Amino acid sequence: MILEYLKNHPFAVDAFFEKSLVLTFTVPKAELESYIPECLTLDTFQDQWAFIAVAMVQTKELRPKGFPEIIGNDFFLIGYRVFVRYTTSEGKRLRGLYILKSETNKKKMEFLGNLFTQYSYTTTDITTKVGAEKTIIASKQSDFSMTMDTSAEEVVLPITSPFATWKDARRFAGPLPFTFTYQQSTKEVLIIEGVRKDWKPKPVAIEAYAISFLDTLQLKGLVLASAFEVCNVPYSWKKGRLDPWKM
């Protein structure tokens, strides 16, 4: 019982995002419906397109809220998340994310993340190379690579995107206010609320990518919809709360 309680995000957390790069992929909604639990619905665009975000985040000073920054830890995180909606037992409609997979570059984060959350962290090698014209994030172990072109004077939407404008794309840039985990045995939804300041995503150009985990999902219509980056943002998560799901 104690371990189950600990995994429910039992305290608030503070962190600082040095960089957060999010690639949002789109797929016809019918292909993604089987990847989310029964309590959630897909957050769609034009009632046709559903979305998966691949977020790459360099965090600093991650620690329990109220503790000094000096005891915080620095980690690189990669998260694979589906854009979803949830209606609470009180009838509130929330937009948020459902975690498919979480990776980090340090065993300490894997241990702590799996102790205090249900995000199923694994440790992998993650390297970042920042050049004058390109930024490359890669992992040999996870068969992952992403190249961002930082030399482009004007960034245009990918030709595969369902969005007509960056304004439309921004709605699916992440992170959203809430993250949801479903506890099927008790029919409860764990809700984690994120709090951010000065979140101003900047469109970026993706030159190339190869993401093995997305390939394992076997989503036939998966294509890149947009990519955004933010830098130097304070971020925190509130203590998790359980909500009884009403079918």
C-alpha atoms as a PDB file:
ATOM      1  CA  MET A   1       0.000   0.000   0.000  1.00  0.00           C
ATOM      2  CA  ILE A   2       2.848   2.375   0.831  1.00  0.00           C
ATOM      3  CA  LEU A   3       4.536   1.730  -2.505  1.00  0.00           C
ATOM      4  CA  GLU A   4       1.257   2.296  -4.334  1.00  0.00           C
ATOM      5  CA  TYR A   5       0.827   5.606  -2.513  1.00  0.00           C
ATOM      6  CA  LEU A   6       4.363   6.724  -3.351  1.00  0.00           C
ATOM      7  CA  LYS A   7       3.797   6.082  -7.062  1.00  0.00           C
ATOM      8  CA  ASN A   8       0.885   8.521  -7.077  1.00  0.00           C
ATOM      9  CA  HIS A   9       3.099  11.615  -7.239  1.00  0.00           C
ATOM     10  CA  PRO A  10       2.716  12.279  -3.470  1.00  0.00           C
ATOM     11  CA  PHE A  11       4.385  15.709  -3.397  1.00  0.00           C
ATOM     12  CA  ALA A  12       4.816  18.767  -5.608  1.00  0.00           C
ATOM     13  CA  VAL A  13       7.987  19.099  -7.693  1.00  0.00           C
ATOM     14  CA  ASP A  14       9.987  22.089  -8.943  1.00  0.00           C
ATOM     15  CA  ALA A  15      12.355  22.132 -11.909  1.00  0.00           C
ATOM     16  CA  PHE A  16      13.929  24.396 -14.511  1.00  0.00           C
ATOM     17  CA  PHE A  17      13.733  23.562 -18.197  1.00  0.00           C
ATOM     18  CA  GLU A  18      16.923  24.707 -19.936  1.00  0.00           C
ATOM     19  CA  LYS A  19      15.535  23.479 -23.241  1.00  0.00           C
ATOM     20  CA  SER A  20      12.363  21.696 -24.245  1.00  0.00           C
ATOM     21  CA  LEU A  21      12.035  20.496 -27.823  1.00  0.00           C
ATOM     22  CA  VAL A  22       8.729  18.896 -28.835  1.00  0.00           C
ATOM     23  CA  LEU A  23       8.045  17.094 -32.090  1.00  0.00           C
ATOM     24  CA  THR A  24       4.321  16.532 -32.623  1.00  0.00           C
ATOM     25  CA  PHE A  25       3.251  13.716 -34.910  1.00  0.00           C
ATOM     26  CA  THR A  26      -0.231  13.255 -36.298  1.00  0.00           C
ATOM     27  CA  VAL A  27      -2.159  10.145 -37.262  1.00  0.00           C
ATOM     28  CA  PRO A  28      -5.774   9.401 -38.220  1.00  0.00           C
ATOM     29  CA  LYS A  29      -7.581   9.095 -34.900  1.00  0.00           C
ATOM     30  CA  ALA A  30      -8.837   5.559 -35.505  1.00  0.00           C
ATOM     31  CA  GLU A  31      -5.244   4.304 -35.478  1.00  0.00           C
ATOM     32  CA  LEU A  32      -4.483   5.704 -32.023  1.00  0.00           C
ATOM     33  CA  GLU A  33      -7.653   4.911 -30.086  1.00  0.00           C
ATOM     34  CA  SER A  34      -6.415   1.510 -28.890  1.00  0.00           C
ATOM     35  CA  TYR A  35      -3.369   3.076 -27.192  1.00  0.00           C
ATOM     36  CA  ILE A  36      -5.295   5.022 -24.546  1.00  0.00           C
ATOM     37  CA  PRO A  37      -7.354   3.698 -21.604  1.00  0.00           C
ATOM     38  CA  GLU A  38     -11.140   3.647 -21.563  1.00  0.00           C
ATOM     39  CA  CYS A  39     -11.436   6.722 -19.338  1.00  0.00           C
ATOM     40  CA  LEU A  40      -9.766   9.030 -21.869  1.00  0.00           C
ATOM     41  CA  THR A  41     -10.695  10.312 -25.311  1.00  0.00           C
ATOM     42  CA  LEU A  42      -8.349  11.553 -27.992  1.00  0.00           C
ATOM     43  CA  ASP A  43      -7.808  15.292 -28.306  1.00  0.00           C
ATOM     44  CA  THR A  44      -8.273  15.773 -32.033  1.00  0.00           C
ATOM     45  CA  PHE A  45      -7.967  18.395 -34.742  1.00  0.00           C
ATOM     46  CA  GLN A  46     -10.940  18.725 -37.096  1.00  0.00           C
ATOM     47  CA  ASP A  47     -12.317  15.546 -35.492  1.00  0.00           C
ATOM     48  CA  GLN A  48      -9.948  13.626 -37.754  1.00  0.00           C
ATOM     49  CA  TRP A  49      -6.363  13.864 -36.556  1.00  0.00           C
ATOM     50  CA  ALA A  50      -4.915  12.609 -33.264  1.00  0.00           C
ATOM     51  CA  PHE A  51      -1.435  13.436 -31.970  1.00  0.00           C
ATOM     52  CA  ILE A  52       1.649  11.989 -30.290  1.00  0.00           C
ATOM     53  CA  ALA A  53       4.294  14.329 -28.878  1.00  0.00           C
ATOM     54  CA  VAL A  54       7.933  13.363 -28.504  1.00  0.00           C
ATOM     55  CA  ALA A  55       9.346  15.755 -25.896  1.00  0.00           C
ATOM     56  CA  MET A  56      13.091  16.123 -25.294  1.00  0.00           C
ATOM     57  CA  VAL A  57      13.785  18.124 -22.148  1.00  0.00           C
ATOM     58  CA  GLN A  58      16.987  19.161 -20.412  1.00  0.00           C
ATOM     59  CA  THR A  59      15.956  19.733 -16.809  1.00  0.00           C
ATOM     60  CA  LYS A  60      17.936  21.372 -14.028  1.00  0.00           C
ATOM     61  CA  GLU A  61      17.513  21.352 -10.265  1.00  0.00           C
ATOM     62  CA  LEU A  62      14.576  18.943 -10.219  1.00  0.00           C
ATOM     63  CA  ARG A  63      13.552  18.545  -6.573  1.00  0.00           C
ATOM     64  CA  PRO A  64      10.585  18.384  -4.182  1.00  0.00           C
ATOM     65  CA  LYS A  65       8.840  21.753  -4.023  1.00  0.00           C
ATOM     66  CA  GLY A  66      10.140  24.000  -1.259  1.00  0.00           C
ATOM     67  CA  PHE A  67      13.584  22.388  -1.137  1.00  0.00           C
ATOM     68  CA  PRO A  68      16.692  24.447  -2.061  1.00  0.00           C
ATOM     69  CA  GLU A  69      17.934  24.338  -5.655  1.00  0.00           C
ATOM     70  CA  ILE A  70      21.313  22.994  -4.534  1.00  0.00           C
ATOM     71  CA  ILE A  71      19.828  19.565  -3.771  1.00  0.00           C
ATOM     72  CA  GLY A  72      18.131  19.355  -7.161  1.00  0.00           C
ATOM     73  CA  ASN A  73      19.244  17.014  -9.918  1.00  0.00           C
ATOM     74  CA  ASP A  74      19.900  17.571 -13.617  1.00  0.00           C
ATOM     75  CA  PHE A  75      18.475  15.073 -16.087  1.00  0.00           C
ATOM     76  CA  PHE A  76      17.688  14.712 -19.770  1.00  0.00           C
ATOM     77  CA  LEU A  77      14.211  13.313 -20.367  1.00  0.00           C
ATOM     78  CA  ILE A  78      12.460  11.960 -23.444  1.00  0.00           C
ATOM     79  CA  GLY A  79       8.717  11.435 -23.213  1.00  0.00           C
ATOM     80  CA  TYR A  80       6.269   9.909 -25.689  1.00  0.00           C
ATOM     81  CA  ARG A  81       2.766  11.230 -25.011  1.00  0.00           C
ATOM     82  CA  VAL A  82      -0.696  11.149 -26.561  1.00  0.00           C
ATOM     83  CA  PHE A  83      -2.879  14.272 -26.530  1.00  0.00           C
ATOM     84  CA  VAL A  84      -6.093  13.386 -24.702  1.00  0.00           C
ATOM     85  CA  ARG A  85      -9.131  14.721 -22.863  1.00  0.00           C
ATOM     86  CA  TYR A  86     -10.701  13.620 -19.594  1.00  0.00           C
ATOM     87  CA  THR A  87     -14.009  14.519 -17.949  1.00  0.00           C
ATOM     88  CA  THR A  88     -13.698  14.506 -14.144  1.00  0.00           C
ATOM     89  CA  SER A  89     -16.251  13.124 -11.708  1.00  0.00           C
ATOM     90  CA  GLU A  90     -17.358  16.750 -11.196  1.00  0.00           C
ATOM     91  CA  GLY A  91     -17.960  17.216 -14.915  1.00  0.00           C
ATOM     92  CA  LYS A  92     -14.887  19.317 -15.703  1.00  0.00           C
ATOM     93  CA  ARG A  93     -13.348  18.742 -19.128  1.00  0.00           C
ATOM     94  CA  LEU A  94      -9.550  18.702 -19.039  1.00  0.00           C
ATOM     95  CA  ARG A  95      -6.971  18.639 -21.841  1.00  0.00           C
ATOM     96  CA  GLY A  96      -3.827  16.728 -21.122  1.00  0.00           C
ATOM     97  CA  LEU A  97      -1.371  13.987 -21.977  1.00  0.00           C
ATOM     98  CA  TYR A  98      -1.225  10.219 -21.582  1.00  0.00           C
ATOM     99  CA  ILE A  99       2.269   8.750 -21.211  1.00  0.00           C
ATOM    100  CA  LEU A 100       3.257   5.898 -23.527  1.00  0.00           C
ATOM    101  CA  LYS A 101       6.953   5.742 -22.617  1.00  0.00           C
ATOM    102  CA  SER A 102       9.538   7.726 -20.623  1.00  0.00           C
ATOM    103  CA  GLU A 103      13.330   7.693 -20.972  1.00  0.00           C
ATOM    104  CA  THR A 104      16.149   9.408 -19.087  1.00  0.00           C
ATOM    105  CA  ASN A 105      19.928   9.569 -19.258  1.00  0.00           C
ATOM    106  CA  LYS A 106      20.545   8.722 -15.584  1.00  0.00           C
ATOM    107  CA  LYS A 107      19.796   5.683 -13.419  1.00  0.00           C
ATOM    108  CA  LYS A 108      18.988   7.960 -10.493  1.00  0.00           C
ATOM    109  CA  MET A 109      16.102   9.506 -12.411  1.00  0.00           C
ATOM    110  CA  GLU A 110      14.886   6.057 -13.470  1.00  0.00           C
ATOM    111  CA  PHE A 111      14.829   4.943  -9.828  1.00  0.00           C
ATOM    112  CA  LEU A 112      13.201   8.078  -8.431  1.00  0.00           C
ATOM    113  CA  GLY A 113      10.825   8.448 -11.360  1.00  0.00           C
ATOM    114  CA  ASN A 114       9.565   4.894 -10.955  1.00  0.00           C
ATOM    115  CA  LEU A 115       9.327   5.261  -7.179  1.00  0.00           C
ATOM    116  CA  PHE A 116       7.181   8.402  -7.242  1.00  0.00           C
ATOM    117  CA  THR A 117       5.340   8.156 -10.577  1.00  0.00           C
ATOM    118  CA  GLN A 118       3.748   5.552 -12.835  1.00  0.00           C
ATOM    119  CA  TYR A 119       5.572   6.707 -15.971  1.00  0.00           C
ATOM    120  CA  SER A 120       7.752   3.567 -16.314  1.00  0.00           C
ATOM    121  CA  TYR A 121      11.120   5.265 -16.837  1.00  0.00           C
ATOM    122  CA  THR A 122      14.009   3.452 -18.472  1.00  0.00           C
ATOM    123  CA  THR A 123      17.607   4.621 -18.733  1.00  0.00           C
ATOM    124  CA  THR A 124      19.256   5.067 -22.105  1.00  0.00           C
ATOM    125  CA  ASP A 125      22.220   6.867 -23.646  1.00  0.00           C
ATOM    126  CA  ILE A 126      21.332  10.367 -24.812  1.00  0.00           C
ATOM    127  CA  THR A 127      23.780  12.699 -26.549  1.00  0.00           C
ATOM    128  CA  THR A 128      23.252  16.288 -27.657  1.00  0.00           C
ATOM    129  CA  LYS A 129      25.468  18.041 -30.198  1.00  0.00           C
ATOM    130  CA  VAL A 130      24.917  21.755 -30.728  1.00  0.00           C
ATOM    131  CA  GLY A 131      26.558  23.286 -33.798  1.00  0.00           C
ATOM    132  CA  ALA A 132      26.369  26.598 -35.608  1.00  0.00           C
ATOM    133  CA  GLU A 133      23.661  25.355 -37.974  1.00  0.00           C
ATOM    134  CA  LYS A 134      22.351  22.100 -36.507  1.00  0.00           C
ATOM    135  CA  THR A 135      21.394  20.512 -33.211  1.00  0.00           C
ATOM    136  CA  ILE A 136      21.438  16.713 -33.018  1.00  0.00           C
ATOM    137  CA  ILE A 137      19.891  14.629 -30.236  1.00  0.00           C
ATOM    138  CA  ALA A 138      20.540  10.900 -30.476  1.00  0.00           C
ATOM    139  CA  SER A 139      20.529   7.588 -28.620  1.00  0.00           C
ATOM    140  CA  LYS A 140      22.206   4.447 -29.921  1.00  0.00           C
ATOM    141  CA  GLN A 141      20.522   2.227 -27.363  1.00  0.00           C
ATOM    142  CA  SER A 142      17.034   3.541 -28.170  1.00  0.00           C
ATOM    143  CA  ASP A 143      17.707   3.828 -31.913  1.00  0.00           C
ATOM    144  CA  PHE A 144      16.698   7.471 -31.798  1.00  0.00           C
ATOM    145  CA  SER A 145      17.984  10.496 -33.679  1.00  0.00           C
ATOM    146  CA  MET A 146      16.696  13.985 -34.436  1.00  0.00           C
ATOM    147  CA  THR A 147      18.381  16.776 -36.375  1.00  0.00           C
ATOM    148  CA  MET A 148      17.121  20.341 -36.020  1.00  0.00           C
ATOM    149  CA  ASP A 149      18.155  22.956 -38.583  1.00  0.00           C
ATOM    150  CA  THR A 150      18.969  26.125 -36.639  1.00  0.00           C
ATOM    151  CA  SER A 151      20.157  28.084 -39.675  1.00  0.00           C
ATOM    152  CA  ALA A 152      16.756  28.598 -41.300  1.00  0.00           C
ATOM    153  CA  GLU A 153      15.713  32.245 -41.410  1.00  0.00           C
ATOM    154  CA  GLU A 154      12.052  31.339 -41.840  1.00  0.00           C
ATOM    155  CA  VAL A 155      10.514  28.169 -40.455  1.00  0.00           C
ATOM    156  CA  VAL A 156       7.626  26.654 -42.385  1.00  0.00           C
ATOM    157  CA  LEU A 157       5.252  23.915 -41.327  1.00  0.00           C
ATOM    158  CA  PRO A 158       6.129  20.384 -42.506  1.00  0.00           C
ATOM    159  CA  ILE A 159       4.459  19.547 -45.788  1.00  0.00           C
ATOM    160  CA  THR A 160       2.864  16.567 -44.027  1.00  0.00           C
ATOM    161  CA  SER A 161       1.181  18.766 -41.392  1.00  0.00           C
ATOM    162  CA  PRO A 162      -2.627  18.956 -41.158  1.00  0.00           C
ATOM    163  CA  PHE A 163      -2.279  22.492 -39.787  1.00  0.00           C
ATOM    164  CA  ALA A 164      -2.691  25.519 -42.025  1.00  0.00           C
ATOM    165  CA  THR A 165      -0.996  27.914 -39.597  1.00  0.00           C
ATOM    166  CA  TRP A 166       1.474  27.862 -36.710  1.00  0.00           C
ATOM    167  CA  LYS A 167      -1.329  29.210 -34.525  1.00  0.00           C
ATOM    168  CA  ASP A 168      -3.292  26.002 -35.096  1.00  0.00           C
ATOM    169  CA  ALA A 169      -0.175  23.924 -34.495  1.00  0.00           C
ATOM    170  CA  ARG A 170       0.532  25.702 -31.209  1.00  0.00           C
ATOM    171  CA  ARG A 171      -2.545  24.066 -29.624  1.00  0.00           C
ATOM    172  CA  PHE A 172      -0.736  20.736 -29.892  1.00  0.00           C
ATOM    173  CA  ALA A 173       2.754  21.876 -28.966  1.00  0.00           C
ATOM    174  CA  GLY A 174       2.652  20.676 -25.350  1.00  0.00           C
ATOM    175  CA  PRO A 175       3.059  20.384 -22.557  1.00  0.00           C
ATOM    176  CA  LEU A 176      -0.612  20.574 -21.676  1.00  0.00           C
ATOM    177  CA  PRO A 177      -1.790  21.484 -18.175  1.00  0.00           C
ATOM    178  CA  PHE A 178      -2.528  17.905 -17.091  1.00  0.00           C
ATOM    179  CA  THR A 179      -1.077  14.415 -17.291  1.00  0.00           C
ATOM    180  CA  PHE A 180      -3.318  11.392 -16.674  1.00  0.00           C
ATOM    181  CA  THR A 181      -2.644   7.860 -15.438  1.00  0.00           C
ATOM    182  CA  TYR A 182      -5.443   5.297 -15.226  1.00  0.00           C
ATOM    183  CA  GLN A 183      -5.678   2.803 -12.376  1.00  0.00           C
ATOM    184  CA  GLN A 184      -7.950   0.165 -13.874  1.00  0.00           C
ATOM    185  CA  SER A 185      -8.270  -1.937 -10.700  1.00  0.00           C
ATOM    186  CA  THR A 186      -9.888   0.929  -8.781  1.00  0.00           C
ATOM    187  CA  LYS A 187     -11.381   2.806 -11.761  1.00  0.00           C
ATOM    188  CA  GLU A 188      -9.503   5.950 -10.707  1.00  0.00           C
ATOM    189  CA  VAL A 189      -7.603   8.516 -12.730  1.00  0.00           C
ATOM    190  CA  LEU A 190      -4.448  10.065 -11.298  1.00  0.00           C
ATOM    191  CA  ILE A 191      -4.280  13.704 -12.376  1.00  0.00           C
ATOM    192  CA  ILE A 192      -0.987  15.611 -12.315  1.00  0.00           C
ATOM    193  CA  GLU A 193      -1.208  19.339 -12.969  1.00  0.00           C
ATOM    194  CA  GLY A 194       1.777  21.196 -14.387  1.00  0.00           C
ATOM    195  CA  VAL A 195       2.440  24.882 -13.733  1.00  0.00           C
ATOM    196  CA  ARG A 196       4.617  26.962 -16.045  1.00  0.00           C
ATOM    197  CA  LYS A 197       5.594  30.581 -16.581  1.00  0.00           C
ATOM    198  CA  ASP A 198       6.649  32.484 -19.708  1.00  0.00           C
ATOM    199  CA  TRP A 199       5.930  29.521 -21.964  1.00  0.00           C
ATOM    200  CA  LYS A 200       6.460  30.896 -25.460  1.00  0.00           C
ATOM    201  CA  PRO A 201       7.170  28.062 -27.918  1.00  0.00           C
ATOM    202  CA  LYS A 202       9.214  28.978 -30.990  1.00  0.00           C
ATOM    203  CA  PRO A 203       8.662  27.027 -34.224  1.00  0.00           C
ATOM    204  CA  VAL A 204      11.734  25.091 -35.353  1.00  0.00           C
ATOM    205  CA  ALA A 205      12.709  23.223 -38.502  1.00  0.00           C
ATOM    206  CA  ILE A 206      13.349  19.477 -38.297  1.00  0.00           C
ATOM    207  CA  GLU A 207      15.759  18.277 -40.948  1.00  0.00           C
ATOM    208  CA  ALA A 208      15.621  14.553 -40.163  1.00  0.00           C
ATOM    209  CA  TYR A 209      14.442  12.088 -37.547  1.00  0.00           C
ATOM    210  CA  ALA A 210      14.426   8.357 -36.844  1.00  0.00           C
ATOM    211  CA  ILE A 211      12.459   7.245 -33.779  1.00  0.00           C
ATOM    212  CA  SER A 212      12.379   3.498 -33.248  1.00  0.00           C
ATOM    213  CA  PHE A 213       9.704   3.539 -30.540  1.00  0.00           C
ATOM    214  CA  LEU A 214       7.194   5.198 -32.874  1.00  0.00           C
ATOM    215  CA  ASP A 215       7.921   2.513 -35.450  1.00  0.00           C
ATOM    216  CA  THR A 216       6.991  -0.195 -32.919  1.00  0.00           C
ATOM    217  CA  LEU A 217       3.492   1.290 -32.653  1.00  0.00           C
ATOM    218  CA  GLN A 218       2.891   0.400 -36.317  1.00  0.00           C
ATOM    219  CA  LEU A 219       0.806   3.477 -37.018  1.00  0.00           C
ATOM    220  CA  LYS A 220       0.531   3.516 -40.793  1.00  0.00           C
ATOM    221  CA  GLY A 221      -0.436   7.146 -41.225  1.00  0.00           C
ATOM    222  CA  LEU A 222       2.010   8.731 -38.754  1.00  0.00           C
ATOM    223  CA  VAL A 223       3.648  11.948 -40.036  1.00  0.00           C
ATOM    224  CA  LEU A 224       5.331  15.004 -38.530  1.00  0.00           C
ATOM    225  CA  ALA A 225       2.892  17.843 -37.860  1.00  0.00           C
ATOM    226  CA  SER A 226       5.038  20.494 -36.127  1.00  0.00           C
ATOM    227  CA  ALA A 227       8.019  21.169 -33.883  1.00  0.00           C
ATOM    228  CA  PHE A 228       8.528  23.800 -31.182  1.00  0.00           C
ATOM    229  CA  GLU A 229      11.266  24.759 -28.751  1.00  0.00           C
ATOM    230  CA  VAL A 230      11.268  26.732 -25.513  1.00  0.00           C
ATOM    231  CA  CYS A 231      14.256  27.714 -23.395  1.00  0.00           C
ATOM    232  CA  ASN A 232      14.899  28.706 -19.780  1.00  0.00           C
ATOM    233  CA  VAL A 233      11.474  28.151 -18.246  1.00  0.00           C
ATOM    234  CA  PRO A 234      10.643  27.488 -14.564  1.00  0.00           C
ATOM    235  CA  TYR A 235       8.300  24.513 -14.302  1.00  0.00           C
ATOM    236  CA  SER A 236       6.558  22.674 -11.482  1.00  0.00           C
ATOM    237  CA  TRP A 237       4.087  19.861 -10.918  1.00  0.00           C
ATOM    238  CA  LYS A 238       1.423  19.841  -8.237  1.00  0.00           C
ATOM    239  CA  LYS A 239       0.838  16.868  -5.964  1.00  0.00           C
ATOM    240  CA  GLY A 240      -1.159  14.167  -7.736  1.00  0.00           C
ATOM    241  CA  ARG A 241      -4.844  13.703  -7.027  1.00  0.00           C
ATOM    242  CA  LEU A 242      -7.065  10.706  -7.644  1.00  0.00           C
ATOM    243  CA  ASP A 243     -10.431  11.128  -9.325  1.00  0.00           C
ATOM    244  CA  PRO A 244     -13.053   8.349  -9.482  1.00  0.00           C
ATOM    245  CA  TRP A 245     -13.931   7.699 -13.092  1.00  0.00           C
ATOM    246  CA  LYS A 246     -17.632   7.633 -13.847  1.00  0.00           C
ATOM    247  CA  MET A 247     -18.364   5.545 -16.922  1.00  0.00           C
END
